[in-house]
């Protein structure tokens, strides 16, 4: 059976992962106010995993209402370090501040993915890659910021492990695609089981 697949995200990283895996998807950003949702979740005492799932579902359902016949993929990611939740940086100064806050510490990338049809939740999964950032020097940080530039404001934590940002780390545990923002292997498994991809 042929299914129309839609990715409810404006992330070119997520779209790129699916394209590289040979999965044909349409891209339809949902434009959810993530800051407001996170603030409400924190006020209610929700965990990072529950909040990432909530955001992923809100995105997918918004797109699903426009395309009720489609299978819609929603995803979200929250960086957690010692209880603090990090968001994408507004500018390069904030990216530098985030990197200093993560320096020498371990953090988790709580990454949720789910599929809906209309407003029916069909499947969900949460991955928790763990990364240990090394105690890099201020000289290295200055070089890194100059090399990567404004690209760093498009990623939570101010780094891209698929680029020079890998030099920031002592250890990385977890599926690479989940670190980038989409737990690909669990998603592909569901899509095969559901009949959206060939077994």
C-alpha atoms as a PDB file:
ATOM      1  CA  UNK A   1       0.000   0.000   0.000  1.00  0.00           C
ATOM      2  CA  UNK A   2       1.333   3.434  -0.909  1.00  0.00           C
ATOM      3  CA  UNK A   3       1.279   6.078   1.821  1.00  0.00           C
ATOM      4  CA  UNK A   4       1.866   9.777   1.502  1.00  0.00           C
ATOM      5  CA  UNK A   5       4.580  10.659   4.034  1.00  0.00           C
ATOM      6  CA  UNK A   6       4.922  14.185   5.398  1.00  0.00           C
ATOM      7  CA  UNK A   7       7.607  15.489   7.757  1.00  0.00           C
ATOM      8  CA  UNK A   8       6.116  18.130  10.066  1.00  0.00           C
ATOM      9  CA  UNK A   9       9.373  20.004  10.507  1.00  0.00           C
ATOM     10  CA  UNK A  10      11.355  22.866   9.052  1.00  0.00           C
ATOM     11  CA  UNK A  11      14.629  21.154  10.023  1.00  0.00           C
ATOM     12  CA  UNK A  12      16.787  20.573   6.969  1.00  0.00           C
ATOM     13  CA  UNK A  13      18.811  18.129   9.085  1.00  0.00           C
ATOM     14  CA  UNK A  14      15.795  15.849   9.627  1.00  0.00           C
ATOM     15  CA  UNK A  15      14.724  16.114   5.997  1.00  0.00           C
ATOM     16  CA  UNK A  16      18.290  15.340   4.942  1.00  0.00           C
ATOM     17  CA  UNK A  17      18.433  12.203   7.086  1.00  0.00           C
ATOM     18  CA  UNK A  18      15.260  10.840   5.481  1.00  0.00           C
ATOM     19  CA  UNK A  19      16.398  11.757   1.981  1.00  0.00           C
ATOM     20  CA  UNK A  20      19.789  10.089   2.545  1.00  0.00           C
ATOM     21  CA  UNK A  21      17.969   6.948   3.723  1.00  0.00           C
ATOM     22  CA  UNK A  22      15.948   6.870   0.497  1.00  0.00           C
ATOM     23  CA  UNK A  23      12.636   7.771   2.135  1.00  0.00           C
ATOM     24  CA  UNK A  24      10.517  10.075  -0.019  1.00  0.00           C
ATOM     25  CA  UNK A  25       8.748  12.625   2.187  1.00  0.00           C
ATOM     26  CA  UNK A  26       7.104  15.968   1.715  1.00  0.00           C
ATOM     27  CA  UNK A  27       8.127  18.705   4.140  1.00  0.00           C
ATOM     28  CA  UNK A  28       5.445  20.807   5.820  1.00  0.00           C
ATOM     29  CA  UNK A  29       6.526  22.958   8.792  1.00  0.00           C
ATOM     30  CA  UNK A  30       3.946  23.191  11.578  1.00  0.00           C
ATOM     31  CA  UNK A  31       5.012  26.513  13.172  1.00  0.00           C
ATOM     32  CA  UNK A  32       4.309  25.619  16.810  1.00  0.00           C
ATOM     33  CA  UNK A  33       5.306  28.155  19.502  1.00  0.00           C
ATOM     34  CA  UNK A  34       7.903  25.882  21.079  1.00  0.00           C
ATOM     35  CA  UNK A  35       8.964  28.414  23.709  1.00  0.00           C
ATOM     36  CA  UNK A  36       5.436  28.749  25.067  1.00  0.00           C
ATOM     37  CA  UNK A  37       4.910  24.976  25.090  1.00  0.00           C
ATOM     38  CA  UNK A  38       8.193  24.404  26.941  1.00  0.00           C
ATOM     39  CA  UNK A  39       7.407  27.105  29.481  1.00  0.00           C
ATOM     40  CA  UNK A  40       4.021  25.529  30.150  1.00  0.00           C
ATOM     41  CA  UNK A  41       5.570  22.071  30.416  1.00  0.00           C
ATOM     42  CA  UNK A  42       8.167  23.267  32.917  1.00  0.00           C
ATOM     43  CA  UNK A  43       5.452  24.962  34.970  1.00  0.00           C
ATOM     44  CA  UNK A  44       3.531  21.668  35.045  1.00  0.00           C
ATOM     45  CA  UNK A  45       6.630  19.698  36.001  1.00  0.00           C
ATOM     46  CA  UNK A  46       6.704  17.622  32.808  1.00  0.00           C
ATOM     47  CA  UNK A  47       9.875  15.715  32.007  1.00  0.00           C
ATOM     48  CA  UNK A  48      12.016  16.552  29.000  1.00  0.00           C
ATOM     49  CA  UNK A  49      10.879  13.317  27.326  1.00  0.00           C
ATOM     50  CA  UNK A  50       7.191  14.095  27.872  1.00  0.00           C
ATOM     51  CA  UNK A  51       7.722  17.633  26.585  1.00  0.00           C
ATOM     52  CA  UNK A  52       9.608  16.508  23.467  1.00  0.00           C
ATOM     53  CA  UNK A  53       6.788  14.055  22.721  1.00  0.00           C
ATOM     54  CA  UNK A  54       4.198  16.782  23.296  1.00  0.00           C
ATOM     55  CA  UNK A  55       5.951  19.144  20.894  1.00  0.00           C
ATOM     56  CA  UNK A  56       6.387  16.420  18.283  1.00  0.00           C
ATOM     57  CA  UNK A  57       2.698  15.537  18.540  1.00  0.00           C
ATOM     58  CA  UNK A  58       1.512  19.148  18.329  1.00  0.00           C
ATOM     59  CA  UNK A  59       3.553  19.619  15.150  1.00  0.00           C
ATOM     60  CA  UNK A  60       2.374  16.364  13.579  1.00  0.00           C
ATOM     61  CA  UNK A  61      -1.301  16.904  14.466  1.00  0.00           C
ATOM     62  CA  UNK A  62      -1.288  20.443  13.079  1.00  0.00           C
ATOM     63  CA  UNK A  63      -0.022  19.154   9.739  1.00  0.00           C
ATOM     64  CA  UNK A  64      -2.234  16.060  10.003  1.00  0.00           C
ATOM     65  CA  UNK A  65      -5.356  18.202  10.205  1.00  0.00           C
ATOM     66  CA  UNK A  66      -4.439  19.727   6.843  1.00  0.00           C
ATOM     67  CA  UNK A  67      -3.635  16.325   5.309  1.00  0.00           C
ATOM     68  CA  UNK A  68      -5.777  13.727   7.138  1.00  0.00           C
ATOM     69  CA  UNK A  69      -4.996  10.970   4.636  1.00  0.00           C
ATOM     70  CA  UNK A  70      -1.228  11.257   5.090  1.00  0.00           C
ATOM     71  CA  UNK A  71       1.135   9.606   7.525  1.00  0.00           C
ATOM     72  CA  UNK A  72       2.772  12.532   9.326  1.00  0.00           C
ATOM     73  CA  UNK A  73       6.119  12.349  11.121  1.00  0.00           C
ATOM     74  CA  UNK A  74       6.676  14.713  14.047  1.00  0.00           C
ATOM     75  CA  UNK A  75       9.925  15.123  15.968  1.00  0.00           C
ATOM     76  CA  UNK A  76      11.461  17.285  18.638  1.00  0.00           C
ATOM     77  CA  UNK A  77      14.637  17.404  20.674  1.00  0.00           C
ATOM     78  CA  UNK A  78      15.522  18.917  24.047  1.00  0.00           C
ATOM     79  CA  UNK A  79      19.091  19.223  25.293  1.00  0.00           C
ATOM     80  CA  UNK A  80      19.310  18.609  29.038  1.00  0.00           C
ATOM     81  CA  UNK A  81      22.414  19.310  31.118  1.00  0.00           C
ATOM     82  CA  UNK A  82      22.257  18.966  34.900  1.00  0.00           C
ATOM     83  CA  UNK A  83      18.540  19.754  34.890  1.00  0.00           C
ATOM     84  CA  UNK A  84      18.758  22.783  32.586  1.00  0.00           C
ATOM     85  CA  UNK A  85      16.936  22.726  29.248  1.00  0.00           C
ATOM     86  CA  UNK A  86      18.709  24.421  26.369  1.00  0.00           C
ATOM     87  CA  UNK A  87      17.135  26.063  23.307  1.00  0.00           C
ATOM     88  CA  UNK A  88      18.621  27.191  20.021  1.00  0.00           C
ATOM     89  CA  UNK A  89      20.778  30.285  20.427  1.00  0.00           C
ATOM     90  CA  UNK A  90      19.427  33.662  19.373  1.00  0.00           C
ATOM     91  CA  UNK A  91      22.899  34.856  18.310  1.00  0.00           C
ATOM     92  CA  UNK A  92      26.572  33.933  18.387  1.00  0.00           C
ATOM     93  CA  UNK A  93      27.104  35.350  21.888  1.00  0.00           C
ATOM     94  CA  UNK A  94      24.414  33.014  23.220  1.00  0.00           C
ATOM     95  CA  UNK A  95      25.928  30.095  21.314  1.00  0.00           C
ATOM     96  CA  UNK A  96      29.263  30.792  23.019  1.00  0.00           C
ATOM     97  CA  UNK A  97      27.515  30.963  26.409  1.00  0.00           C
ATOM     98  CA  UNK A  98      25.833  27.607  25.812  1.00  0.00           C
ATOM     99  CA  UNK A  99      29.107  25.966  24.842  1.00  0.00           C
ATOM    100  CA  UNK A 100      30.793  27.309  27.978  1.00  0.00           C
ATOM    101  CA  UNK A 101      27.887  25.981  30.074  1.00  0.00           C
ATOM    102  CA  UNK A 102      28.267  22.514  28.488  1.00  0.00           C
ATOM    103  CA  UNK A 103      32.078  22.465  28.606  1.00  0.00           C
ATOM    104  CA  UNK A 104      33.476  19.645  30.711  1.00  0.00           C
ATOM    105  CA  UNK A 105      30.012  18.183  31.372  1.00  0.00           C
ATOM    106  CA  UNK A 106      27.791  15.382  30.119  1.00  0.00           C
ATOM    107  CA  UNK A 107      24.401  16.136  28.585  1.00  0.00           C
ATOM    108  CA  UNK A 108      21.503  14.282  27.000  1.00  0.00           C
ATOM    109  CA  UNK A 109      19.718  14.976  23.728  1.00  0.00           C
ATOM    110  CA  UNK A 110      16.190  13.821  24.520  1.00  0.00           C
ATOM    111  CA  UNK A 111      14.864  13.155  21.023  1.00  0.00           C
ATOM    112  CA  UNK A 112      11.241  12.222  20.312  1.00  0.00           C
ATOM    113  CA  UNK A 113       9.709  10.984  17.069  1.00  0.00           C
ATOM    114  CA  UNK A 114       6.142   9.889  16.360  1.00  0.00           C
ATOM    115  CA  UNK A 115       3.683   9.266  13.561  1.00  0.00           C
ATOM    116  CA  UNK A 116       0.066  10.383  13.330  1.00  0.00           C
ATOM    117  CA  UNK A 117      -2.703  10.041  10.805  1.00  0.00           C
ATOM    118  CA  UNK A 118      -5.159  12.882  11.163  1.00  0.00           C
ATOM    119  CA  UNK A 119      -5.096  13.289  14.939  1.00  0.00           C
ATOM    120  CA  UNK A 120      -4.592   9.591  15.724  1.00  0.00           C
ATOM    121  CA  UNK A 121      -1.239   8.788  17.328  1.00  0.00           C
ATOM    122  CA  UNK A 122       0.016   5.572  15.707  1.00  0.00           C
ATOM    123  CA  UNK A 123       3.505   5.213  17.188  1.00  0.00           C
ATOM    124  CA  UNK A 124       6.094   7.076  19.247  1.00  0.00           C
ATOM    125  CA  UNK A 125       9.680   6.645  20.396  1.00  0.00           C
ATOM    126  CA  UNK A 126      12.183   8.565  22.545  1.00  0.00           C
ATOM    127  CA  UNK A 127      15.970   8.253  22.225  1.00  0.00           C
ATOM    128  CA  UNK A 128      18.414   9.705  24.752  1.00  0.00           C
ATOM    129  CA  UNK A 129      21.908  10.024  23.263  1.00  0.00           C
ATOM    130  CA  UNK A 130      24.503  11.017  25.864  1.00  0.00           C
ATOM    131  CA  UNK A 131      27.404  13.291  24.968  1.00  0.00           C
ATOM    132  CA  UNK A 132      30.402  14.308  27.076  1.00  0.00           C
ATOM    133  CA  UNK A 133      31.925  17.638  26.110  1.00  0.00           C
ATOM    134  CA  UNK A 134      35.634  18.030  26.765  1.00  0.00           C
ATOM    135  CA  UNK A 135      37.170  20.895  28.730  1.00  0.00           C
ATOM    136  CA  UNK A 136      38.234  22.855  25.656  1.00  0.00           C
ATOM    137  CA  UNK A 137      40.237  26.079  25.802  1.00  0.00           C
ATOM    138  CA  UNK A 138      38.974  29.584  25.106  1.00  0.00           C
ATOM    139  CA  UNK A 139      41.335  29.680  22.118  1.00  0.00           C
ATOM    140  CA  UNK A 140      39.685  26.574  20.671  1.00  0.00           C
ATOM    141  CA  UNK A 141      36.232  28.046  21.324  1.00  0.00           C
ATOM    142  CA  UNK A 142      37.139  31.268  19.482  1.00  0.00           C
ATOM    143  CA  UNK A 143      38.453  29.312  16.501  1.00  0.00           C
ATOM    144  CA  UNK A 144      35.385  27.069  16.467  1.00  0.00           C
ATOM    145  CA  UNK A 145      32.928  29.984  16.586  1.00  0.00           C
ATOM    146  CA  UNK A 146      34.772  31.735  13.754  1.00  0.00           C
ATOM    147  CA  UNK A 147      34.829  28.556  11.657  1.00  0.00           C
ATOM    148  CA  UNK A 148      31.152  27.629  12.087  1.00  0.00           C
ATOM    149  CA  UNK A 149      29.672  31.125  12.251  1.00  0.00           C
ATOM    150  CA  UNK A 150      25.920  31.741  12.287  1.00  0.00           C
ATOM    151  CA  UNK A 151      25.301  28.057  11.453  1.00  0.00           C
ATOM    152  CA  UNK A 152      25.514  27.472  15.218  1.00  0.00           C
ATOM    153  CA  UNK A 153      22.312  29.404  15.877  1.00  0.00           C
ATOM    154  CA  UNK A 154      20.380  26.722  13.986  1.00  0.00           C
ATOM    155  CA  UNK A 155      21.374  23.944  16.412  1.00  0.00           C
ATOM    156  CA  UNK A 156      20.617  23.478  20.095  1.00  0.00           C
ATOM    157  CA  UNK A 157      23.767  23.610  22.215  1.00  0.00           C
ATOM    158  CA  UNK A 158      25.710  25.508  19.567  1.00  0.00           C
ATOM    159  CA  UNK A 159      27.354  22.543  17.847  1.00  0.00           C
ATOM    160  CA  UNK A 160      27.046  20.173  14.888  1.00  0.00           C
ATOM    161  CA  UNK A 161      28.589  16.751  15.490  1.00  0.00           C
ATOM    162  CA  UNK A 162      28.456  16.114  11.737  1.00  0.00           C
ATOM    163  CA  UNK A 163      30.954  18.972  11.295  1.00  0.00           C
ATOM    164  CA  UNK A 164      33.885  20.462  13.213  1.00  0.00           C
ATOM    165  CA  UNK A 165      31.757  20.327  16.369  1.00  0.00           C
ATOM    166  CA  UNK A 166      32.772  16.684  16.832  1.00  0.00           C
ATOM    167  CA  UNK A 167      36.087  18.076  18.137  1.00  0.00           C
ATOM    168  CA  UNK A 168      34.224  19.422  21.186  1.00  0.00           C
ATOM    169  CA  UNK A 169      33.613  15.934  22.578  1.00  0.00           C
ATOM    170  CA  UNK A 170      35.381  13.257  24.591  1.00  0.00           C
ATOM    171  CA  UNK A 171      32.564  10.700  24.235  1.00  0.00           C
ATOM    172  CA  UNK A 172      29.340  10.263  22.261  1.00  0.00           C
ATOM    173  CA  UNK A 173      26.851   7.470  22.995  1.00  0.00           C
ATOM    174  CA  UNK A 174      23.765   6.866  20.867  1.00  0.00           C
ATOM    175  CA  UNK A 175      22.514   6.642  17.308  1.00  0.00           C
ATOM    176  CA  UNK A 176      24.008   9.398  15.144  1.00  0.00           C
ATOM    177  CA  UNK A 177      20.684  10.256  13.537  1.00  0.00           C
ATOM    178  CA  UNK A 178      19.077  10.729  16.967  1.00  0.00           C
ATOM    179  CA  UNK A 179      21.856  13.170  17.848  1.00  0.00           C
ATOM    180  CA  UNK A 180      21.117  15.100  14.653  1.00  0.00           C
ATOM    181  CA  UNK A 181      17.414  15.182  15.600  1.00  0.00           C
ATOM    182  CA  UNK A 182      15.567  12.131  14.238  1.00  0.00           C
ATOM    183  CA  UNK A 183      15.917   8.556  15.613  1.00  0.00           C
ATOM    184  CA  UNK A 184      16.010   7.022  12.168  1.00  0.00           C
ATOM    185  CA  UNK A 185      16.319   3.280  12.834  1.00  0.00           C
ATOM    186  CA  UNK A 186      13.233   3.050  15.105  1.00  0.00           C
ATOM    187  CA  UNK A 187      11.278   5.223  12.648  1.00  0.00           C
ATOM    188  CA  UNK A 188      12.243   3.075   9.668  1.00  0.00           C
ATOM    189  CA  UNK A 189      11.207  -0.009  11.622  1.00  0.00           C
ATOM    190  CA  UNK A 190       7.761   1.432  12.282  1.00  0.00           C
ATOM    191  CA  UNK A 191       7.310   2.551   8.667  1.00  0.00           C
ATOM    192  CA  UNK A 192       8.117  -0.978   7.453  1.00  0.00           C
ATOM    193  CA  UNK A 193       5.752  -2.522   9.993  1.00  0.00           C
ATOM    194  CA  UNK A 194       2.979  -0.108   9.006  1.00  0.00           C
ATOM    195  CA  UNK A 195       3.447  -0.854   5.307  1.00  0.00           C
ATOM    196  CA  UNK A 196       4.745   2.562   4.313  1.00  0.00           C
ATOM    197  CA  UNK A 197       8.125   1.091   3.332  1.00  0.00           C
ATOM    198  CA  UNK A 198       9.020  -2.239   1.774  1.00  0.00           C
ATOM    199  CA  UNK A 199       9.894  -5.001   4.200  1.00  0.00           C
END
